[in-house]
Amino acid sequence: MEKLFYSIGEVAAILDEPVSLVRFWSNSFPELVKPERNAKLNRRYTAADIETLKQIHFLVKEKGMTLDGASRQLRADRKPVDSKVKALEVLREIRKSLEAVKNSL
């Protein structure tokens, strides 16, 4: 079962990036990533926020785009970016499975 909210540490672990970078991206893309705050004012991210952060990660880290370019790309059309991000996730899972099979031999 999927959680409703994720802490910034959990999001950082999902993206395999430091917490400070997740916080920076949240502040840099306020129109796209809108984490809620709990009573302690900690950021709480939804699954939609995480998907957006994955798209930002893909555009900035994989494609080498600037933050401004990534913002324009995501505002213009997110579907191509989303499909590429999902394809990369599937391929990474396949690679992990194959490495596990290789290691068990």
Foldseek 3Di string as FASTA:
>chain_A
DDDFWDFLVVLCVVLVHDSVVVVVLCVLCVVQFPFDADPVGTGIGGPSNSLLVLLVCCCCVVVVDDSVVSNVVCVVDCVVSSVVSVVVVVVVVVVVVVVVVVVVD
